Protein backbone atom coordinates (compact mmCIF):
# COMPACT_ATOMS: atom_id res chain seq x y z
CA MET A 1 -1.89 17.38 8.76
CA ARG A 2 -3.03 14.29 10.55
CA ASP A 3 -6.51 15.33 9.14
CA GLN A 4 -5.37 15.62 5.60
CA LEU A 5 -3.10 11.67 6.13
CA ASP A 6 -6.35 10.67 7.75
CA ASP A 7 -8.32 11.48 4.72
CA ILE A 8 -6.10 10.38 1.86
CA GLN A 9 -5.55 6.80 4.47
CA LYS A 10 -9.44 6.17 3.84
CA HIS A 11 -8.88 6.35 -0.11
CA LEU A 12 -5.70 4.11 0.13
CA ASN A 13 -6.50 1.53 2.46
CA ASP A 14 -10.04 0.65 2.36
CA GLY A 15 -9.69 -0.89 -1.11
CA TYR A 16 -13.03 -3.63 -0.21
CA GLY A 17 -15.00 -0.85 1.58
CA ARG A 18 -14.83 1.39 -0.82
CA ALA A 19 -15.28 -1.12 -4.08
CA GLN A 20 -18.67 -2.35 -2.43
CA HIS A 21 -19.62 1.25 -1.68
CA LEU A 22 -19.07 2.00 -5.94
CA ASN A 23 -21.32 -1.03 -6.72
CA LYS A 24 -23.70 0.23 -5.14
CA VAL A 25 -23.95 4.11 -6.82
CA GLU A 26 -24.92 4.96 -9.83
CA LEU A 27 -21.81 4.62 -12.07
CA PRO A 28 -21.25 6.74 -15.11
CA LYS A 29 -21.55 5.25 -18.72
CA ARG A 30 -18.39 5.06 -20.63
CA PHE A 31 -17.62 8.43 -22.59
CA TYR A 32 -14.69 7.76 -24.35
CA LYS A 33 -13.72 5.03 -27.07
CA ASP A 34 -9.41 5.63 -27.44
CA VAL A 35 -7.26 5.39 -24.49
CA ALA A 36 -3.35 6.61 -25.15
CA VAL A 37 -0.02 6.78 -22.78
CA ALA A 38 2.19 9.75 -24.51
CA PRO A 39 5.27 11.34 -22.84
CA VAL A 40 4.47 14.67 -21.44
CA ASP A 41 6.64 17.03 -19.14
CA GLY A 42 7.61 15.58 -16.14
CA GLY A 43 6.95 11.63 -16.89
CA PHE A 44 4.16 10.13 -18.95
CA GLY A 45 0.61 11.03 -19.14
CA LEU A 46 -2.83 9.23 -20.05
CA THR A 47 -5.65 10.76 -23.05
CA LEU A 48 -9.20 9.77 -23.33
CA ASP A 49 -9.88 10.91 -27.01
CA GLY A 50 -7.05 13.00 -27.11
CA ARG A 51 -7.77 14.76 -23.63
CA PRO A 52 -5.64 14.66 -20.88
CA VAL A 53 -6.76 12.43 -18.12
CA LYS A 54 -7.49 14.32 -14.91
CA THR A 55 -7.80 13.37 -11.02
CA PRO A 56 -11.98 13.46 -10.53
CA GLY A 57 -11.42 15.67 -7.24
CA LEU A 58 -9.30 18.45 -7.82
CA LYS A 59 -8.48 18.09 -11.53
CA ILE A 60 -5.19 17.94 -11.64
CA PRO A 61 -3.70 16.44 -15.40
CA VAL A 62 -2.34 12.58 -14.08
CA VAL A 63 1.45 12.45 -14.83
CA VAL A 64 3.36 9.47 -13.55
CA PRO A 65 7.34 9.42 -13.85
CA VAL A 66 7.21 5.85 -15.25
CA ALA A 67 5.43 4.42 -18.42
CA PRO A 68 4.50 0.97 -16.68
CA ILE A 69 2.35 2.78 -14.24
CA ALA A 70 0.75 5.02 -17.09
CA THR A 71 0.24 1.91 -18.90
CA ALA A 72 -1.31 -0.01 -16.21
CA MET A 73 -3.63 3.13 -15.60
CA ALA A 74 -4.21 2.95 -19.08
CA GLY A 75 -5.53 -0.98 -19.23
CA GLU A 76 -8.16 -0.09 -16.61
CA TRP A 77 -9.67 2.93 -18.51
CA ALA A 78 -9.55 0.78 -21.83
CA ALA A 79 -11.07 -2.03 -19.71
CA GLN A 80 -14.30 -0.33 -18.71
CA GLY A 81 -17.13 -1.66 -20.17
CA GLU A 82 -20.48 0.12 -21.21
CA PHE A 83 -20.04 1.89 -17.71
CA ILE A 84 -16.92 3.06 -15.61
CA ASN A 85 -16.59 1.59 -12.16
CA PRO A 86 -13.85 2.74 -10.21
CA GLY A 87 -14.27 -0.30 -8.07
CA THR A 88 -12.28 -2.30 -10.80
CA MET A 89 -9.65 0.08 -11.64
CA PRO A 90 -7.01 0.05 -8.13
CA MET A 91 -4.43 1.58 -10.17
CA VAL A 92 -6.44 4.56 -10.94
CA ARG A 93 -7.40 5.17 -7.86
CA LEU A 94 -4.31 4.29 -6.14
CA ILE A 95 -2.20 7.32 -8.24
CA ASN A 96 -5.10 9.78 -7.90
CA SER A 97 -4.95 9.93 -4.43
CA GLY A 98 -1.29 10.29 -4.75
CA VAL A 99 -1.83 13.26 -7.21
CA GLU A 100 -4.40 14.75 -5.32
CA SER A 101 -2.28 15.20 -1.73
CA GLY A 102 0.69 16.81 -3.44
CA GLU A 103 4.31 17.28 -2.25
CA THR A 104 3.51 18.39 0.83
CA ILE A 105 2.10 15.11 2.01
CA ILE A 106 5.16 13.78 1.91
CA PRO A 107 6.75 14.19 5.25
CA ALA A 108 3.59 12.90 6.61
CA PHE A 109 3.81 10.30 4.47
CA ARG A 110 7.50 9.53 6.10
CA ALA A 111 6.16 9.80 9.44
CA GLU A 112 3.01 7.45 9.26
CA ILE A 113 5.87 4.81 7.55
CA VAL A 114 7.59 5.14 10.50
CA LYS A 115 4.93 5.64 13.18
CA PHE A 116 3.70 1.99 12.29
CA ALA A 117 7.21 0.81 12.42
CA ALA A 118 7.55 1.81 16.27
CA GLY A 119 4.64 -0.06 16.66
CA ASP A 120 5.04 -2.74 14.26
CA LEU A 121 3.07 -5.85 13.27
CA LEU A 122 6.34 -8.10 13.65
CA LEU A 123 7.33 -6.80 17.38
CA TYR A 124 4.40 -7.60 19.40
CA ARG A 125 4.10 -11.46 19.82
CA ALA A 126 2.05 -14.30 21.07
CA ASP A 127 3.22 -15.95 24.24
CA SER A 128 0.53 -19.10 23.41
CA PRO A 129 -0.54 -21.20 21.76
CA GLN A 130 2.34 -22.70 20.37
CA PRO A 131 1.35 -23.64 16.78
CA LEU A 132 0.97 -19.49 16.68
CA VAL A 133 4.14 -18.90 18.56
CA ALA A 134 6.03 -20.97 16.16
CA ALA A 135 4.08 -19.17 12.93
CA GLN A 136 5.02 -15.93 14.29
CA GLU A 137 8.74 -16.94 14.32
CA ALA A 138 8.90 -18.60 11.36
CA HIS A 139 7.75 -15.53 9.51
CA TRP A 140 8.96 -12.70 11.39
CA ASP A 141 12.26 -13.50 12.87
CA GLY A 142 13.79 -13.81 9.42
CA ALA A 143 12.36 -10.88 8.23
CA LEU A 144 13.71 -8.38 11.34
CA VAL A 145 17.17 -9.82 11.08
CA ARG A 146 17.22 -8.68 7.29
CA LEU A 147 15.70 -5.75 8.51
CA ALA A 148 18.17 -4.88 11.43
CA ARG A 149 21.45 -6.10 9.40
CA HIS A 150 20.29 -4.22 6.43
CA PHE A 151 20.02 -0.46 8.13
CA GLY A 152 22.45 -1.36 10.94
CA VAL A 153 19.62 -0.85 13.59
CA SER A 154 18.02 -2.98 16.60
CA PHE A 155 14.33 -3.80 17.78
CA GLN A 156 13.04 -4.53 21.16
CA PRO A 157 10.17 -7.45 20.40
CA THR A 158 7.77 -7.76 23.51
CA PHE A 159 5.15 -10.66 24.56
CA ALA A 160 3.62 -7.68 26.38
CA ILE A 161 0.34 -6.11 25.41
CA GLN A 162 1.76 -2.77 26.53
CA HIS A 163 3.33 -0.41 23.97
CA GLN A 164 7.01 -1.25 23.65
CA PRO A 165 9.06 1.83 23.02
CA GLN A 166 11.67 0.78 20.25
CA PRO A 167 15.20 2.64 20.52
CA GLN A 168 15.14 6.26 19.03
CA ALA A 169 18.50 5.62 17.01
CA THR A 170 16.08 2.84 14.81
CA LEU A 171 13.40 5.17 14.74
CA ASP A 172 15.69 8.03 13.43
CA ARG A 173 17.29 5.58 10.94
CA LEU A 174 14.15 4.50 9.34
CA ALA A 175 13.08 7.93 8.95
CA GLU A 176 16.35 8.69 7.32
CA VAL A 177 16.30 5.86 4.71
CA LEU A 178 12.55 7.52 3.85
CA GLU A 179 14.07 10.89 3.11
CA GLY A 180 14.14 11.56 -0.85
CA GLU A 181 11.49 9.41 -1.62
CA GLN A 182 9.33 10.37 -4.71
CA LEU A 183 5.44 11.13 -3.85
CA LEU A 184 4.02 7.93 -5.69
CA THR A 185 6.54 5.82 -4.12
CA LEU A 186 5.61 6.69 -0.92
CA THR A 187 1.73 6.63 -2.18
CA ALA A 188 2.25 2.85 -2.21
CA MET A 189 4.50 2.24 0.70
CA VAL A 190 1.73 4.23 2.61
CA SER A 191 -1.16 1.85 1.33
CA MET A 192 1.18 -0.89 1.94
CA THR A 193 1.50 0.00 5.39
CA GLY A 194 -2.03 0.27 5.86
CA LEU A 195 -2.82 -3.21 4.12
CA THR A 196 -0.19 -5.03 6.02
CA GLY A 197 -0.01 -3.36 9.54
CA SER A 198 3.41 -3.15 9.30
CA GLY A 199 6.05 -0.39 8.08
CA LEU A 200 9.00 -2.76 8.75
CA LEU A 201 7.32 -5.11 5.96
CA THR A 202 7.04 -2.59 3.69
CA LEU A 203 10.50 -1.14 4.24
CA GLY A 204 11.31 -4.79 3.72
CA PHE A 205 9.78 -5.00 0.24
CA TRP A 206 11.19 -2.06 -1.05
CA HIS A 207 14.78 -2.68 0.02
CA LYS A 208 14.48 -6.22 -1.99
CA LEU A 209 15.01 -8.01 1.46
CA LEU A 210 11.49 -9.48 1.37
CA ASP A 211 9.30 -10.36 -2.03
CA ALA A 212 5.38 -9.58 -2.14
CA ASP A 213 4.59 -13.22 -1.37
CA ALA A 214 6.45 -12.93 2.22
CA VAL A 215 5.21 -9.61 3.23
CA TRP A 216 1.62 -10.83 2.85
CA ALA A 217 2.21 -14.28 4.32
CA ALA A 218 4.23 -12.34 7.47
CA ALA A 219 1.10 -10.12 7.43
CA HIS A 220 -1.64 -12.64 7.93
CA VAL A 221 -0.04 -14.67 10.32
CA ASP A 222 -2.29 -14.29 13.30
CA GLU A 223 -5.52 -13.95 10.33
CA ASP A 224 -4.39 -17.54 8.88
CA PHE A 225 -4.06 -19.38 12.55
CA GLN A 226 -7.45 -18.41 13.40
CA ILE A 227 -8.27 -19.48 9.94
CA SER A 228 -7.03 -23.02 11.00
CA GLN A 229 -8.67 -22.85 14.04
CA TRP A 230 -12.35 -21.85 13.57
CA GLY A 231 -12.37 -21.74 9.34
CA GLU A 232 -12.93 -19.08 6.68
CA ASP A 233 -15.78 -16.82 6.57
CA GLU A 234 -17.04 -15.66 3.28
CA GLU A 235 -17.21 -11.89 3.91
CA ALA A 236 -13.96 -12.37 5.40
CA VAL A 237 -12.34 -14.00 2.64
CA ALA A 238 -14.19 -11.50 -0.15
CA ARG A 239 -12.62 -8.67 1.88
CA ARG A 240 -9.28 -10.21 1.91
CA ALA A 241 -9.17 -10.91 -2.09
CA MET A 242 -10.00 -7.26 -2.62
CA ARG A 243 -7.48 -6.33 0.10
CA ARG A 244 -5.04 -8.36 -1.99
CA VAL A 245 -6.16 -6.18 -5.19
CA GLU A 246 -5.00 -3.36 -3.37
CA PHE A 247 -1.72 -4.92 -2.42
CA ASP A 248 -0.44 -6.12 -5.39
CA THR A 249 -1.20 -2.23 -7.19
CA ALA A 250 1.00 -0.64 -4.29
CA VAL A 251 3.70 -3.82 -5.27
CA ALA A 252 3.13 -3.03 -9.03
CA VAL A 253 3.71 0.71 -8.32
CA LEU A 254 6.93 -0.10 -6.14
CA GLU A 255 8.42 -2.49 -8.54
CA ALA A 256 7.84 0.53 -11.16
CA MET A 257 9.08 3.21 -8.95
CA ARG A 258 12.39 0.75 -8.17
CA ALA A 259 12.77 -0.15 -12.08
């Protein structure tokens, strides 16, 4: 299962590198004219010139439970020009990866989010310099308080670099709140967790404790501090922009599933 999770994680969370790779390979020519969304058993499917869309690897028909996701995927298919560039189709890639993972991956996805939460970004604090300490407190303390109150748990932040175990009751509770979540919800949550380095921020967003911009800002406190000290690097800026696209795609899936 770990190998399977590692494989799907590569598909979910390396958006910049994947898109760069796709830009270098020979792209297939567009072979369709019309893109449509239609109700099918289990939700909504897509068609290209009347033929059902399937995943590229396992050739599984793509069926999603809510119309907004299907509409977003259809928009990406329709926006392709002479060639089909998967690097410009983040929703299609994310949903395909989830569909191909299948329901059997659900326990591993839940475990991955809890594993991140157990060693979460928000729990490992700097003790200097003071501007960084203040930024972490400003973005992270309120999030932890909201999470602790909402789920009835406690956290143990640390200034040490070594692993700080969290209360087992806390981890058990976080695992409990993930029970029953659907495959595509967990697919998007795993993507957001990998992109932010935080299972707690992901849970905070899913449970309406934090909005998307607050999650993104909290995930980049350390990076933004380094930028303030040393300036921006062009490649890093490009990577971050690509990661934001992946992040916003995960946000769109979660909002659609929540609605």
